[in-house]
Amino acid sequence: MRKYTKNGQLESVVCNCCGKKLVVENGIVREGVMMVDHAWDYFSEKDGEIHHFDLCEACYDDLLSQFRIEADVEEQTELFP
């Protein structure tokens, strides 16, 4: 869950799963977080809905550990500033 200032700068991020408040400095999240913005489509019971949520790195790792088929992971060779 993200909150922004009136100027549109990121103010806070809270993990939707565990409720942990993540560190945000000068509008930048300073720890691992996964942001999800998903628009459901026609063949879903949620057609027309857009879901937004954030997971801290620990909750993300916990979610992945429950997968029967592992997620594909690749190394990023160039990091963007």
N, C-alpha and C. Protein backbone atom coordinates (compact mmCIF):
# COMPACT_ATOMS: atom_id res chain seq x y z
N MET A 1 0.85 -1.16 0.00
CA MET A 1 0.00 0.00 0.00
C MET A 1 0.90 1.24 0.00
N ARG A 2 0.67 2.08 -0.95
CA ARG A 2 1.50 3.29 -1.09
C ARG A 2 0.69 4.54 -0.80
N LYS A 3 1.36 5.49 -0.19
CA LYS A 3 0.76 6.82 0.03
C LYS A 3 1.71 7.85 -0.54
N TYR A 4 1.10 8.87 -1.15
CA TYR A 4 1.87 9.93 -1.80
C TYR A 4 1.51 11.28 -1.18
N THR A 5 2.45 12.23 -1.24
CA THR A 5 2.18 13.58 -0.80
C THR A 5 1.30 14.27 -1.83
N LYS A 6 0.82 15.46 -1.52
CA LYS A 6 0.01 16.23 -2.48
C LYS A 6 0.79 16.54 -3.74
N ASN A 7 2.13 16.58 -3.63
CA ASN A 7 2.98 16.86 -4.78
C ASN A 7 3.28 15.62 -5.61
N GLY A 8 2.76 14.45 -5.19
CA GLY A 8 2.97 13.22 -5.93
C GLY A 8 4.22 12.45 -5.55
N GLN A 9 4.92 12.90 -4.50
CA GLN A 9 6.12 12.19 -4.06
C GLN A 9 5.72 11.04 -3.14
N LEU A 10 6.38 9.91 -3.30
CA LEU A 10 6.11 8.74 -2.46
C LEU A 10 6.41 9.09 -1.01
N GLU A 11 5.45 8.83 -0.14
CA GLU A 11 5.58 9.18 1.27
C GLU A 11 5.79 7.94 2.14
N SER A 12 5.03 6.87 1.86
CA SER A 12 5.16 5.65 2.65
C SER A 12 4.73 4.43 1.85
N VAL A 13 5.30 3.27 2.25
CA VAL A 13 4.94 2.00 1.64
C VAL A 13 4.77 1.00 2.78
N VAL A 14 3.65 0.30 2.79
CA VAL A 14 3.37 -0.72 3.79
C VAL A 14 3.10 -2.03 3.07
N CYS A 15 3.71 -3.11 3.55
CA CYS A 15 3.48 -4.43 2.96
C CYS A 15 2.03 -4.83 3.21
N ASN A 16 1.31 -5.14 2.15
CA ASN A 16 -0.09 -5.53 2.28
C ASN A 16 -0.26 -6.88 2.97
N CYS A 17 0.79 -7.69 3.02
CA CYS A 17 0.68 -9.02 3.63
C CYS A 17 0.92 -8.97 5.13
N CYS A 18 2.06 -8.45 5.56
CA CYS A 18 2.42 -8.49 6.98
C CYS A 18 2.24 -7.15 7.70
N GLY A 19 2.05 -6.07 6.94
CA GLY A 19 1.85 -4.76 7.56
C GLY A 19 3.12 -4.01 7.89
N LYS A 20 4.28 -4.55 7.50
CA LYS A 20 5.55 -3.88 7.78
C LYS A 20 5.62 -2.55 7.04
N LYS A 21 6.03 -1.51 7.76
CA LYS A 21 6.25 -0.20 7.13
C LYS A 21 7.68 -0.18 6.60
N LEU A 22 7.81 0.01 5.29
CA LEU A 22 9.12 0.00 4.65
C LEU A 22 9.76 1.38 4.72
N VAL A 23 11.09 1.40 4.67
CA VAL A 23 11.83 2.65 4.76
C VAL A 23 11.72 3.40 3.43
N VAL A 24 11.24 4.66 3.51
CA VAL A 24 11.16 5.55 2.35
C VAL A 24 11.91 6.82 2.71
N GLU A 25 12.89 7.18 1.88
CA GLU A 25 13.66 8.41 2.08
C GLU A 25 13.62 9.23 0.81
N ASN A 26 13.22 10.46 0.92
CA ASN A 26 13.16 11.37 -0.22
C ASN A 26 12.40 10.77 -1.40
N GLY A 27 11.31 10.06 -1.11
CA GLY A 27 10.46 9.51 -2.15
C GLY A 27 10.96 8.21 -2.77
N ILE A 28 12.00 7.62 -2.17
CA ILE A 28 12.59 6.39 -2.70
C ILE A 28 12.51 5.29 -1.64
N VAL A 29 12.00 4.11 -2.03
CA VAL A 29 11.95 2.97 -1.12
C VAL A 29 13.36 2.46 -0.95
N ARG A 30 13.82 2.34 0.30
CA ARG A 30 15.21 1.98 0.57
C ARG A 30 15.39 0.53 1.01
N GLU A 31 14.44 -0.33 0.70
CA GLU A 31 14.59 -1.76 0.95
C GLU A 31 13.77 -2.52 -0.07
N GLY A 32 13.95 -3.83 -0.12
CA GLY A 32 13.31 -4.65 -1.13
C GLY A 32 11.80 -4.66 -1.03
N VAL A 33 11.14 -4.41 -2.15
CA VAL A 33 9.67 -4.41 -2.20
C VAL A 33 9.24 -4.82 -3.60
N MET A 34 8.14 -5.54 -3.67
CA MET A 34 7.56 -5.89 -4.96
C MET A 34 6.23 -5.16 -5.08
N MET A 35 6.09 -4.34 -6.11
CA MET A 35 4.85 -3.61 -6.35
C MET A 35 4.08 -4.32 -7.45
N VAL A 36 2.80 -4.59 -7.20
CA VAL A 36 1.97 -5.26 -8.18
C VAL A 36 0.81 -4.35 -8.56
N ASP A 37 0.64 -4.15 -9.86
CA ASP A 37 -0.51 -3.46 -10.44
C ASP A 37 -1.03 -4.40 -11.51
N HIS A 38 -2.15 -5.05 -11.24
CA HIS A 38 -2.65 -6.04 -12.18
C HIS A 38 -4.08 -5.74 -12.60
N ALA A 39 -4.29 -5.63 -13.91
CA ALA A 39 -5.63 -5.43 -14.47
C ALA A 39 -6.18 -6.78 -14.89
N TRP A 40 -7.23 -7.22 -14.25
CA TRP A 40 -7.87 -8.49 -14.58
C TRP A 40 -8.63 -8.34 -15.89
N ASP A 41 -8.73 -9.44 -16.64
CA ASP A 41 -9.37 -9.33 -17.95
C ASP A 41 -10.57 -10.27 -18.08
N TYR A 42 -11.02 -10.44 -19.29
CA TYR A 42 -12.31 -11.07 -19.62
C TYR A 42 -12.60 -12.40 -18.95
N PHE A 43 -11.67 -13.31 -18.93
CA PHE A 43 -11.97 -14.66 -18.49
C PHE A 43 -11.74 -14.85 -17.00
N SER A 44 -11.88 -13.79 -16.25
CA SER A 44 -11.67 -13.79 -14.81
C SER A 44 -12.96 -13.36 -14.12
N GLU A 45 -13.11 -13.80 -12.90
CA GLU A 45 -14.24 -13.34 -12.08
C GLU A 45 -14.04 -11.88 -11.65
N LYS A 46 -12.84 -11.36 -11.87
CA LYS A 46 -12.50 -9.98 -11.47
C LYS A 46 -12.40 -9.05 -12.68
N ASP A 47 -13.01 -9.42 -13.79
CA ASP A 47 -12.95 -8.64 -15.02
C ASP A 47 -13.30 -7.18 -14.73
N GLY A 48 -12.44 -6.28 -15.20
CA GLY A 48 -12.67 -4.85 -15.01
C GLY A 48 -12.06 -4.29 -13.74
N GLU A 49 -11.50 -5.15 -12.88
CA GLU A 49 -10.87 -4.67 -11.65
C GLU A 49 -9.36 -4.56 -11.84
N ILE A 50 -8.78 -3.57 -11.16
CA ILE A 50 -7.33 -3.40 -11.13
C ILE A 50 -6.91 -3.51 -9.68
N HIS A 51 -6.02 -4.44 -9.39
CA HIS A 51 -5.55 -4.64 -8.02
C HIS A 51 -4.14 -4.08 -7.88
N HIS A 52 -3.92 -3.35 -6.78
CA HIS A 52 -2.63 -2.74 -6.48
C HIS A 52 -2.22 -3.22 -5.09
N PHE A 53 -0.98 -3.74 -4.97
CA PHE A 53 -0.48 -4.07 -3.64
C PHE A 53 1.04 -4.15 -3.64
N ASP A 54 1.61 -4.12 -2.44
CA ASP A 54 3.05 -4.20 -2.25
C ASP A 54 3.36 -5.35 -1.31
N LEU A 55 4.47 -6.04 -1.58
CA LEU A 55 4.96 -7.10 -0.70
C LEU A 55 6.39 -6.79 -0.32
N CYS A 56 6.70 -6.88 0.99
CA CYS A 56 8.09 -6.75 1.40
C CYS A 56 8.85 -7.97 0.91
N GLU A 57 10.16 -7.92 0.97
CA GLU A 57 10.96 -9.02 0.42
C GLU A 57 10.71 -10.33 1.17
N ALA A 58 10.52 -10.27 2.47
CA ALA A 58 10.27 -11.49 3.25
C ALA A 58 8.95 -12.14 2.84
N CYS A 59 7.90 -11.35 2.66
CA CYS A 59 6.61 -11.91 2.25
C CYS A 59 6.68 -12.44 0.82
N TYR A 60 7.43 -11.76 -0.03
CA TYR A 60 7.63 -12.25 -1.39
C TYR A 60 8.32 -13.62 -1.37
N ASP A 61 9.38 -13.73 -0.56
CA ASP A 61 10.10 -15.00 -0.45
C ASP A 61 9.18 -16.10 0.08
N ASP A 62 8.35 -15.76 1.06
CA ASP A 62 7.40 -16.73 1.61
C ASP A 62 6.41 -17.18 0.55
N LEU A 63 5.90 -16.24 -0.24
CA LEU A 63 4.97 -16.58 -1.31
C LEU A 63 5.62 -17.52 -2.32
N LEU A 64 6.83 -17.19 -2.75
CA LEU A 64 7.53 -18.04 -3.72
C LEU A 64 7.80 -19.43 -3.18
N SER A 65 8.04 -19.55 -1.89
CA SER A 65 8.33 -20.87 -1.31
C SER A 65 7.11 -21.79 -1.38
N GLN A 66 5.93 -21.23 -1.62
CA GLN A 66 4.71 -22.02 -1.71
C GLN A 66 4.41 -22.48 -3.14
N PHE A 67 5.17 -22.01 -4.12
CA PHE A 67 4.95 -22.39 -5.51
C PHE A 67 5.31 -23.86 -5.73
N ARG A 68 4.51 -24.56 -6.49
CA ARG A 68 4.84 -25.94 -6.87
C ARG A 68 5.85 -25.94 -8.01
N ILE A 69 5.80 -24.93 -8.86
CA ILE A 69 6.76 -24.76 -9.95
C ILE A 69 7.51 -23.47 -9.66
N GLU A 70 8.83 -23.56 -9.55
CA GLU A 70 9.64 -22.40 -9.20
C GLU A 70 9.51 -21.28 -10.22
N ALA A 71 9.63 -20.07 -9.75
CA ALA A 71 9.65 -18.90 -10.63
C ALA A 71 10.97 -18.89 -11.40
N ASP A 72 10.94 -18.40 -12.63
CA ASP A 72 12.18 -18.22 -13.39
C ASP A 72 12.90 -17.00 -12.82
N VAL A 73 14.17 -17.16 -12.54
CA VAL A 73 14.99 -16.06 -12.01
C VAL A 73 16.20 -15.92 -12.91
N GLU A 74 16.48 -14.68 -13.31
CA GLU A 74 17.66 -14.44 -14.12
C GLU A 74 18.43 -13.28 -13.52
N GLU A 75 19.73 -13.27 -13.77
CA GLU A 75 20.57 -12.20 -13.26
C GLU A 75 20.46 -10.97 -14.15
N GLN A 76 20.35 -9.81 -13.55
CA GLN A 76 20.33 -8.56 -14.30
C GLN A 76 21.78 -8.11 -14.43
N THR A 77 22.25 -7.95 -15.67
CA THR A 77 23.66 -7.65 -15.89
C THR A 77 23.98 -6.16 -15.80
N GLU A 78 22.98 -5.33 -16.04
CA GLU A 78 23.19 -3.89 -15.93
C GLU A 78 22.19 -3.34 -14.94
N LEU A 79 22.65 -2.59 -13.98
CA LEU A 79 21.78 -1.98 -13.00
C LEU A 79 21.55 -0.53 -13.37
N PHE A 80 20.32 -0.10 -13.25
CA PHE A 80 19.97 1.26 -13.62
C PHE A 80 20.08 2.16 -12.40
N PRO A 81 20.54 3.38 -12.60
CA PRO A 81 20.67 4.30 -11.46
C PRO A 81 19.34 4.72 -10.89
